[in-house]
């Protein structure tokens, strides 16, 4: 049985602030002792640049950095470690694929396909490359309950679509998209697929080979790891064909004033000095998640989703957004007559941490014709008491603002 109270003790933030109710893990997760300790240890004992020096510290730093590449490959069941590209996060990974895969392939009249529930980071990069190439950005709608319209998706698949980019779990609605079904549908039309796993990497055991996904991206900071870290997985054939779009040290094989020969993957996509300490530490975050068990985490989040929805539903004037049959631990709602930012501000003064706004998904807000929502997002360190404190806080806010 998943014991969130014991897990909570592994996070120093709750030692420093015992009454903290942190319900914003869809934005970023808190960090466990093991991750913090290893980052400090890196700087104290192994700090050097990677792939360059032949002295002991440099060798150790390189071993840790490349060790995380191997660990990431195992974490995703990637065929080879060289198919793992380190990025600064999900946004960076998506932009890399947009610039290096989509842009060179697009011609006027071609299409890229996304869903209407995408984070701006999985919308704007595709929008911009379409504008640059006079291609079309096509959008898969979703139903009012937050479920993707699968029939509309199938109707939009055609040979002109050069890539489907889709979120696994909506960061605003919590909807879990059936990527196991969607990827084969796209492949049947010869369409490569990119999956944004930023919200699912903690609660779902992802096997890139079983999914047969072409690209998959996620961020370290949403995996209890350091900020400024991320992973892009890509199929080898695509990565080999893609040109680099950042140039500098480490990503070259030979340079003259007339031409440059680029290094093979993964180095050709990792120009300059990377976030070595962050990458070295990211492996411990993967260990942490696998030790807890992603299936166990998913079950825990569904339980909190159920409890949270039931208790919040008793509050007068509440309106939920995103009630798909398959959801993760995210609840978006509004309270009649109270602006989401007012709610978040007052709750924040009580150390109840929630998010208010459009959550980088303005098209979702446009669909529901609202300016924003309050978003509650659960993680491994949340307990039912957090839900009770949230519900109590909401009632107190109503008592003040509805007088």
Foldseek 3Di string as FASTA:
>chain_A
DFDLQVVLVQFCVCVVPVLFLAFALLVFDGAGPLLVVLLVCCVVPQDDFEPDDPDDSRVVLNCLLLVLLVLVCVQQVPPDSLLKAKFQWQLRQLLFCLVFPVLVPDAAAAEEEEELLDFLSQPVSNVVSCVVHNYYYYYFYADQQAHTPVVSVLVPAALSHAEYEYEQARSAQQDGHPLLVVQVSNVVRPHAYEYECAPPSLQDRHHCVSSVHAKYKYGLRSLSFDRRIIIIGGDQVSQQRTQEDDDAPQQFDDDDPVDTHGDHGPRVHPHDGGPSSRSSSSSVSSVVSVVSPSNNFQVVLVVLQVLLCVLLVVDPQKDWGHNDPDGGNKTWIDGPPDAQVLLQVQVVVVSNHWDWFASSSVSSCVVVVHGITIMGGDGSNDDVVSSVVSSVSVVVSCVVRVD
